[in-house]
């Protein structure tokens, strides 16, 4: 098979939050809300030791959320194909997220 000599034309690029970071943020926020709510309920019922433990767990869940927000973002590039291009050659440099006809969505490694 002959050499494929097409080229990629970058249309735009922006930084995106990874899926793992989004999951950490959502889990941390949900756990913090639940633990804080239960801690307040137990505080009203005068069960102070258990309420302080739950508020401490809510603080740990907030730290989990903070860790998720500090995960570095990755560069996502939308590019257009001009001519035939070998996807294997593109995949050697970038992670291919989506192929939609002549438009490629790529992420830097």
C-alpha atoms as a PDB file:
ATOM      1  CA  UNK A   1       0.000   0.000   0.000  1.00  0.00           C
ATOM      2  CA  UNK A   2       1.350   3.438  -0.862  1.00  0.00           C
ATOM      3  CA  UNK A   3       2.351   6.205   1.554  1.00  0.00           C
ATOM      4  CA  UNK A   4      -0.593   8.212   2.837  1.00  0.00           C
ATOM      5  CA  UNK A   5       0.360  11.874   2.577  1.00  0.00           C
ATOM      6  CA  UNK A   6      -2.627  13.682   4.047  1.00  0.00           C
ATOM      7  CA  UNK A   7      -2.204  16.249   6.768  1.00  0.00           C
ATOM      8  CA  UNK A   8      -4.034  17.323   9.900  1.00  0.00           C
ATOM      9  CA  UNK A   9      -5.209  20.904  10.123  1.00  0.00           C
ATOM     10  CA  UNK A  10      -5.723  22.064  13.701  1.00  0.00           C
ATOM     11  CA  UNK A  11      -9.011  23.925  14.034  1.00  0.00           C
ATOM     12  CA  UNK A  12      -8.999  24.648  17.777  1.00  0.00           C
ATOM     13  CA  UNK A  13      -7.555  23.358  21.018  1.00  0.00           C
ATOM     14  CA  UNK A  14      -8.629  23.716  24.616  1.00  0.00           C
ATOM     15  CA  UNK A  15      -7.891  22.198  27.996  1.00  0.00           C
ATOM     16  CA  UNK A  16     -10.408  19.661  29.355  1.00  0.00           C
ATOM     17  CA  UNK A  17     -10.880  18.007  32.731  1.00  0.00           C
ATOM     18  CA  UNK A  18     -10.253  14.256  32.630  1.00  0.00           C
ATOM     19  CA  UNK A  19     -13.013  11.772  33.432  1.00  0.00           C
ATOM     20  CA  UNK A  20     -11.185  10.539  36.528  1.00  0.00           C
ATOM     21  CA  UNK A  21     -11.004  14.067  37.933  1.00  0.00           C
ATOM     22  CA  UNK A  22     -14.722  14.611  37.378  1.00  0.00           C
ATOM     23  CA  UNK A  23     -15.499  11.353  39.195  1.00  0.00           C
ATOM     24  CA  UNK A  24     -13.327  12.333  42.176  1.00  0.00           C
ATOM     25  CA  UNK A  25     -14.989  15.744  42.393  1.00  0.00           C
ATOM     26  CA  UNK A  26     -18.518  14.294  42.229  1.00  0.00           C
ATOM     27  CA  UNK A  27     -17.839  11.509  44.738  1.00  0.00           C
ATOM     28  CA  UNK A  28     -16.129  13.944  47.122  1.00  0.00           C
ATOM     29  CA  UNK A  29     -18.956  16.462  46.924  1.00  0.00           C
ATOM     30  CA  UNK A  30     -21.644  13.821  47.405  1.00  0.00           C
ATOM     31  CA  UNK A  31     -19.898  12.212  50.386  1.00  0.00           C
ATOM     32  CA  UNK A  32     -19.194  15.599  51.983  1.00  0.00           C
ATOM     33  CA  UNK A  33     -22.857  16.593  51.675  1.00  0.00           C
ATOM     34  CA  UNK A  34     -24.143  13.293  53.098  1.00  0.00           C
ATOM     35  CA  UNK A  35     -21.648  13.222  55.991  1.00  0.00           C
ATOM     36  CA  UNK A  36     -22.308  16.868  56.879  1.00  0.00           C
ATOM     37  CA  UNK A  37     -26.067  16.348  56.766  1.00  0.00           C
ATOM     38  CA  UNK A  38     -25.881  13.273  58.998  1.00  0.00           C
ATOM     39  CA  UNK A  39     -23.449  15.059  61.317  1.00  0.00           C
ATOM     40  CA  UNK A  40     -25.853  17.982  61.733  1.00  0.00           C
ATOM     41  CA  UNK A  41     -28.732  15.598  62.386  1.00  0.00           C
ATOM     42  CA  UNK A  42     -26.759  13.809  65.114  1.00  0.00           C
ATOM     43  CA  UNK A  43     -25.634  17.141  66.564  1.00  0.00           C
ATOM     44  CA  UNK A  44     -29.264  18.201  66.964  1.00  0.00           C
ATOM     45  CA  UNK A  45     -29.962  14.854  68.674  1.00  0.00           C
ATOM     46  CA  UNK A  46     -27.086  15.611  71.121  1.00  0.00           C
ATOM     47  CA  UNK A  47     -24.906  12.709  69.946  1.00  0.00           C
ATOM     48  CA  UNK A  48     -21.810  14.882  69.856  1.00  0.00           C
ATOM     49  CA  UNK A  49     -19.091  12.255  69.442  1.00  0.00           C
ATOM     50  CA  UNK A  50     -20.742  10.679  66.390  1.00  0.00           C
ATOM     51  CA  UNK A  51     -21.530  14.079  64.893  1.00  0.00           C
ATOM     52  CA  UNK A  52     -17.901  15.227  65.185  1.00  0.00           C
ATOM     53  CA  UNK A  53     -16.734  12.005  63.546  1.00  0.00           C
ATOM     54  CA  UNK A  54     -19.127  12.554  60.632  1.00  0.00           C
ATOM     55  CA  UNK A  55     -18.074  16.180  60.247  1.00  0.00           C
ATOM     56  CA  UNK A  56     -14.455  14.974  60.154  1.00  0.00           C
ATOM     57  CA  UNK A  57     -15.375  12.481  57.437  1.00  0.00           C
ATOM     58  CA  UNK A  58     -17.049  15.324  55.540  1.00  0.00           C
ATOM     59  CA  UNK A  59     -13.744  17.208  55.732  1.00  0.00           C
ATOM     60  CA  UNK A  60     -11.917  14.185  54.303  1.00  0.00           C
ATOM     61  CA  UNK A  61     -14.462  14.005  51.487  1.00  0.00           C
ATOM     62  CA  UNK A  62     -13.839  17.690  50.749  1.00  0.00           C
ATOM     63  CA  UNK A  63     -10.136  16.888  50.536  1.00  0.00           C
ATOM     64  CA  UNK A  64     -10.976  14.154  48.003  1.00  0.00           C
ATOM     65  CA  UNK A  65     -12.854  16.764  45.990  1.00  0.00           C
ATOM     66  CA  UNK A  66      -9.871  19.118  46.219  1.00  0.00           C
ATOM     67  CA  UNK A  67      -7.516  16.383  44.957  1.00  0.00           C
ATOM     68  CA  UNK A  68      -9.824  15.805  41.984  1.00  0.00           C
ATOM     69  CA  UNK A  69      -9.826  19.505  41.160  1.00  0.00           C
ATOM     70  CA  UNK A  70      -6.017  19.631  41.209  1.00  0.00           C
ATOM     71  CA  UNK A  71      -5.524  16.864  38.623  1.00  0.00           C
ATOM     72  CA  UNK A  72      -3.924  18.457  35.553  1.00  0.00           C
ATOM     73  CA  UNK A  73      -6.101  19.093  32.545  1.00  0.00           C
ATOM     74  CA  UNK A  74      -5.277  17.628  29.149  1.00  0.00           C
ATOM     75  CA  UNK A  75      -5.165  19.425  25.822  1.00  0.00           C
ATOM     76  CA  UNK A  76      -7.966  18.393  23.458  1.00  0.00           C
ATOM     77  CA  UNK A  77      -7.473  19.258  19.804  1.00  0.00           C
ATOM     78  CA  UNK A  78     -10.137  19.384  17.111  1.00  0.00           C
ATOM     79  CA  UNK A  79      -8.526  18.888  13.734  1.00  0.00           C
ATOM     80  CA  UNK A  80      -9.616  18.435  10.174  1.00  0.00           C
ATOM     81  CA  UNK A  81      -8.103  15.948   7.735  1.00  0.00           C
ATOM     82  CA  UNK A  82      -6.817  17.131   4.370  1.00  0.00           C
ATOM     83  CA  UNK A  83      -6.445  14.008   2.256  1.00  0.00           C
ATOM     84  CA  UNK A  84      -5.993  10.409   3.357  1.00  0.00           C
ATOM     85  CA  UNK A  85      -4.320  10.021   6.761  1.00  0.00           C
ATOM     86  CA  UNK A  86      -3.190   6.860   8.529  1.00  0.00           C
ATOM     87  CA  UNK A  87      -4.958   6.645  11.889  1.00  0.00           C
ATOM     88  CA  UNK A  88      -2.142   4.419  13.174  1.00  0.00           C
ATOM     89  CA  UNK A  89       0.324   7.217  12.549  1.00  0.00           C
ATOM     90  CA  UNK A  90      -1.921   9.746  14.313  1.00  0.00           C
ATOM     91  CA  UNK A  91      -2.469   7.322  17.226  1.00  0.00           C
ATOM     92  CA  UNK A  92       1.292   7.076  17.694  1.00  0.00           C
ATOM     93  CA  UNK A  93       1.345  10.745  18.749  1.00  0.00           C
ATOM     94  CA  UNK A  94      -2.160  11.475  20.095  1.00  0.00           C
ATOM     95  CA  UNK A  95      -5.000   9.641  21.810  1.00  0.00           C
ATOM     96  CA  UNK A  96      -7.913   9.538  19.373  1.00  0.00           C
ATOM     97  CA  UNK A  97     -11.129  10.449  21.215  1.00  0.00           C
ATOM     98  CA  UNK A  98     -13.552  10.684  18.294  1.00  0.00           C
ATOM     99  CA  UNK A  99     -13.540  10.333  14.518  1.00  0.00           C
ATOM    100  CA  UNK A 100     -16.434  12.024  12.725  1.00  0.00           C
ATOM    101  CA  UNK A 101     -15.862  11.892   8.999  1.00  0.00           C
ATOM    102  CA  UNK A 102     -13.011  14.301   8.311  1.00  0.00           C
ATOM    103  CA  UNK A 103     -12.994  15.753  11.831  1.00  0.00           C
ATOM    104  CA  UNK A 104     -10.767  14.192  14.493  1.00  0.00           C
ATOM    105  CA  UNK A 105     -10.873  14.877  18.204  1.00  0.00           C
ATOM    106  CA  UNK A 106      -7.448  14.193  19.700  1.00  0.00           C
ATOM    107  CA  UNK A 107      -5.887  14.421  23.156  1.00  0.00           C
ATOM    108  CA  UNK A 108      -2.239  15.011  23.851  1.00  0.00           C
ATOM    109  CA  UNK A 109      -0.478  12.381  25.889  1.00  0.00           C
END
